[in-house]
Amino acid sequence: MEQTKTPLFDATKPFVVPILSGGEKRCEVRFPSDEEWCGWARAQRTVRHFLGRGKSQSEDVDLPKINAELFAKIRTDKDGPEFDDAEAGMVIGRIERCAVASVEREGINYRIGMKVPGARVTHVLRMPTAKEMQDHERASTSVVAARRSVETRAFLEPSGALYDKLHVSHDGYAGAVPIVHKSAAVSEVIGYLAIEGDDDPE
């Protein structure tokens, strides 16, 4: 009996994405390049407005428009059904998704298993140093404060650079690891390390 091969994640192949919105709709897209993912992330900003009396309200500025612009670039079945901005956002969310299935510590390394569109992948990263985490935090987020609001932006490039420094091995890919997967793996390691390091001293 022939053994079924585990599918590899291949960013060069088209993805058919089904969504549920007033019924099932499908479209075909290509996977965005690292430059496109970085531009998409860089364009997003969250503004927290301070309303007084200890209350505040957060707003993702222009996110539907930003998602729709990326969707228009990557859609390959141009004659398919029309997708509005909200539906375009659902498609972007589907292809960006990296669901962490497992994290195991192996000495000074972490093995992260993730479910990504059409495949299961594994990353092994070494434990970052305190300085590497501090530098990453500073570089990956921009916070600008005004009198009654705070604007926050996030960047993918620092996560990609830190992943390359921490990288031990990866598995499940037909080609290069996309920067959104690198970012998810780095975030998982940093989050896991924060939990491990939060134990009270004896």
Protein backbone atom coordinates (compact mmCIF):
# COMPACT_ATOMS: atom_id res chain seq x y z
CA MET A 1 0.00 0.00 0.00
CA GLU A 2 1.46 3.33 -1.06
CA GLN A 3 2.01 5.79 1.77
CA THR A 4 0.31 9.18 1.36
CA LYS A 5 2.80 12.04 1.30
CA THR A 6 2.27 14.91 3.68
CA PRO A 7 1.49 18.03 1.59
CA LEU A 8 4.13 20.76 1.60
CA PHE A 9 3.36 24.45 1.85
CA ASP A 10 4.18 25.95 -1.54
CA ALA A 11 3.85 29.73 -1.80
CA THR A 12 4.22 29.57 -5.60
CA LYS A 13 0.96 27.63 -6.11
CA PRO A 14 -2.49 29.26 -6.30
CA PHE A 15 -4.85 28.89 -3.35
CA VAL A 16 -8.60 28.38 -3.75
CA VAL A 17 -10.21 30.03 -0.72
CA PRO A 18 -13.84 29.32 0.25
CA ILE A 19 -15.63 31.70 2.63
CA LEU A 20 -19.15 31.80 4.04
CA SER A 21 -20.87 35.13 3.40
CA GLY A 22 -24.53 34.95 2.41
CA GLY A 23 -23.71 31.46 1.11
CA GLU A 24 -20.40 29.92 0.06
CA LYS A 25 -18.16 31.99 -2.18
CA ARG A 26 -14.83 30.94 -3.66
CA CYS A 27 -11.92 32.77 -5.18
CA GLU A 28 -8.42 31.92 -6.33
CA VAL A 29 -5.46 33.91 -5.06
CA ARG A 30 -1.69 33.72 -5.14
CA PHE A 31 0.22 33.89 -1.87
CA PRO A 32 1.53 37.43 -1.25
CA SER A 33 5.27 38.08 -1.44
CA ASP A 34 7.17 39.05 1.71
CA GLU A 35 7.28 42.64 0.42
CA GLU A 36 3.50 42.66 -0.01
CA TRP A 37 2.92 41.21 3.47
CA CYS A 38 5.28 43.81 4.97
CA GLY A 39 3.56 46.66 3.13
CA TRP A 40 0.15 45.36 4.26
CA ALA A 41 1.28 45.22 7.90
CA ARG A 42 3.01 48.60 7.72
CA ALA A 43 -0.13 50.29 6.36
CA GLN A 44 -2.20 49.21 9.36
CA ARG A 45 -2.52 51.40 12.40
CA THR A 46 -4.52 51.16 15.58
CA VAL A 47 -5.54 54.39 17.30
CA ARG A 48 -6.61 54.36 20.91
CA HIS A 49 -8.72 57.40 21.79
CA PHE A 50 -8.91 58.52 25.42
CA LEU A 51 -12.49 59.58 26.17
CA GLY A 52 -11.99 60.76 29.74
CA ARG A 53 -13.02 59.30 33.11
CA GLY A 54 -10.71 56.33 32.54
CA LYS A 55 -12.43 55.26 29.31
CA SER A 56 -10.81 54.66 25.92
CA GLN A 57 -11.79 53.31 22.53
CA SER A 58 -9.55 51.55 19.96
CA GLU A 59 -10.00 51.81 16.20
CA ASP A 60 -8.27 49.91 13.37
CA VAL A 61 -7.89 52.70 10.82
CA ASP A 62 -8.72 51.88 7.17
CA LEU A 63 -8.25 48.11 7.71
CA PRO A 64 -11.04 47.06 5.27
CA LYS A 65 -9.48 49.25 2.56
CA ILE A 66 -5.97 47.90 3.26
CA ASN A 67 -7.23 44.30 3.04
CA ALA A 68 -9.14 45.05 -0.17
CA GLU A 69 -6.04 46.56 -1.80
CA LEU A 70 -3.94 43.47 -1.05
CA PHE A 71 -6.78 41.19 -2.18
CA ALA A 72 -7.02 43.03 -5.52
CA LYS A 73 -3.27 42.50 -6.08
CA ILE A 74 -3.26 38.77 -5.37
CA ARG A 75 -6.59 37.63 -6.86
CA THR A 76 -6.03 35.51 -9.95
CA ASP A 77 -9.61 34.66 -11.01
CA LYS A 78 -10.52 38.20 -12.00
CA ASP A 79 -13.76 37.04 -13.63
CA GLY A 80 -14.95 35.27 -10.47
CA PRO A 81 -17.71 36.48 -8.10
CA GLU A 82 -17.43 39.96 -6.64
CA PHE A 83 -15.97 40.24 -3.13
CA ASP A 84 -16.63 43.30 -0.98
CA ASP A 85 -14.08 44.74 1.49
CA ALA A 86 -15.30 42.57 4.38
CA GLU A 87 -15.11 39.41 2.28
CA ALA A 88 -11.65 40.39 1.03
CA GLY A 89 -10.59 40.68 4.68
CA MET A 90 -11.87 37.16 5.34
CA VAL A 91 -9.76 35.81 2.45
CA ILE A 92 -6.62 37.61 3.68
CA GLY A 93 -7.23 36.23 7.17
CA ARG A 94 -7.55 32.69 5.79
CA ILE A 95 -4.28 32.71 3.85
CA GLU A 96 -2.37 34.54 6.61
CA ARG A 97 -3.49 32.06 9.28
CA CYS A 98 -0.82 30.14 11.21
CA ALA A 99 -2.52 28.03 13.88
CA VAL A 100 0.03 26.81 16.43
CA ALA A 101 -0.56 23.11 17.16
CA SER A 102 2.34 22.42 19.52
CA VAL A 103 5.38 23.97 21.20
CA GLU A 104 8.07 21.77 22.72
CA ARG A 105 11.27 22.85 24.41
CA GLU A 106 14.35 20.88 23.41
CA GLY A 107 17.24 22.15 25.53
CA ILE A 108 17.85 25.72 24.33
CA ASN A 109 15.65 25.22 21.28
CA TYR A 110 11.90 25.33 20.69
CA ARG A 111 10.05 23.13 18.21
CA ILE A 112 6.87 24.82 16.95
CA GLY A 113 4.28 22.87 14.97
CA MET A 114 1.85 24.99 12.95
CA LYS A 115 -1.12 24.42 10.66
CA VAL A 116 -0.94 26.76 7.67
CA PRO A 117 -3.09 26.83 4.52
CA GLY A 118 -3.00 23.34 3.01
CA ALA A 119 -0.14 21.96 5.12
CA ARG A 120 1.40 21.32 8.51
CA VAL A 121 4.87 22.77 9.10
CA THR A 122 7.52 22.72 11.80
CA HIS A 123 10.06 25.32 12.91
CA VAL A 124 12.96 24.79 15.31
CA LEU A 125 14.31 28.05 16.76
CA ARG A 126 16.92 28.58 19.45
CA MET A 127 16.01 30.50 22.57
CA PRO A 128 16.51 34.25 22.00
CA THR A 129 18.60 36.29 24.40
CA ALA A 130 17.05 39.03 26.55
CA LYS A 131 18.73 41.67 24.35
CA GLU A 132 17.43 40.06 21.15
CA MET A 133 13.88 40.11 22.54
CA GLN A 134 14.26 43.71 23.73
CA ASP A 135 15.63 44.87 20.36
CA HIS A 136 12.84 43.00 18.55
CA GLU A 137 10.13 44.60 20.69
CA ARG A 138 11.50 48.08 20.04
CA ALA A 139 11.87 47.57 16.29
CA SER A 140 8.60 45.73 15.62
CA THR A 141 6.24 48.32 17.10
CA SER A 142 5.91 52.08 16.69
CA VAL A 143 3.90 54.02 19.26
CA VAL A 144 3.12 57.71 18.72
CA ALA A 145 1.30 59.54 21.50
CA ALA A 146 -0.84 62.65 20.99
CA ARG A 147 -2.78 64.63 23.60
CA ARG A 148 -5.88 62.43 23.57
CA SER A 149 -4.82 59.40 21.53
CA VAL A 150 -2.06 56.84 20.93
CA GLU A 151 -1.28 55.43 17.47
CA THR A 152 0.35 51.99 17.20
CA ARG A 153 1.87 50.38 14.11
CA ALA A 154 3.45 46.93 13.79
CA PHE A 155 6.20 45.82 11.40
CA LEU A 156 7.02 42.31 10.14
CA GLU A 157 10.61 42.93 9.04
CA PRO A 158 12.15 42.72 12.56
CA SER A 159 10.43 39.35 13.14
CA GLY A 160 11.82 38.06 9.85
CA ALA A 161 15.33 39.19 10.81
CA LEU A 162 15.10 37.63 14.29
CA TYR A 163 13.77 34.36 12.84
CA ASP A 164 16.80 34.15 10.56
CA LYS A 165 19.12 34.63 13.58
CA LEU A 166 17.31 32.02 15.70
CA HIS A 167 16.68 29.49 12.90
CA VAL A 168 17.88 25.94 13.50
CA SER A 169 15.69 24.06 11.01
CA HIS A 170 12.27 23.96 9.40
CA ASP A 171 10.17 21.31 7.69
CA GLY A 172 7.04 21.16 5.55
CA TYR A 173 7.93 23.75 2.90
CA ALA A 174 8.47 23.36 -0.82
CA GLY A 175 10.41 26.64 -0.89
CA ALA A 176 11.32 29.56 1.35
CA VAL A 177 9.48 30.26 4.62
CA PRO A 178 7.15 33.28 4.17
CA ILE A 179 7.67 36.20 6.53
CA VAL A 180 4.18 35.83 8.06
CA HIS A 181 5.10 32.29 9.15
CA LYS A 182 8.45 33.51 10.48
CA SER A 183 6.65 36.20 12.48
CA ALA A 184 4.17 33.69 13.93
CA ALA A 185 6.97 31.33 14.99
CA VAL A 186 8.99 34.13 16.61
CA SER A 187 5.92 35.45 18.46
CA GLU A 188 5.17 31.97 19.76
CA VAL A 189 8.70 31.47 21.09
CA ILE A 190 8.77 34.87 22.77
CA GLY A 191 5.32 34.29 24.30
CA TYR A 192 6.25 30.80 25.51
CA LEU A 193 9.51 32.09 26.97
CA ALA A 194 7.65 34.86 28.81
CA ILE A 195 5.39 32.27 30.45
CA GLU A 196 8.35 30.04 31.37
CA GLY A 197 10.27 32.98 32.81
CA ASP A 198 7.33 34.19 34.89
CA ASP A 199 7.75 31.59 37.62
CA ASP A 200 8.22 33.07 41.09
CA PRO A 201 11.71 32.56 42.54
CA GLU A 202 11.99 30.04 45.36
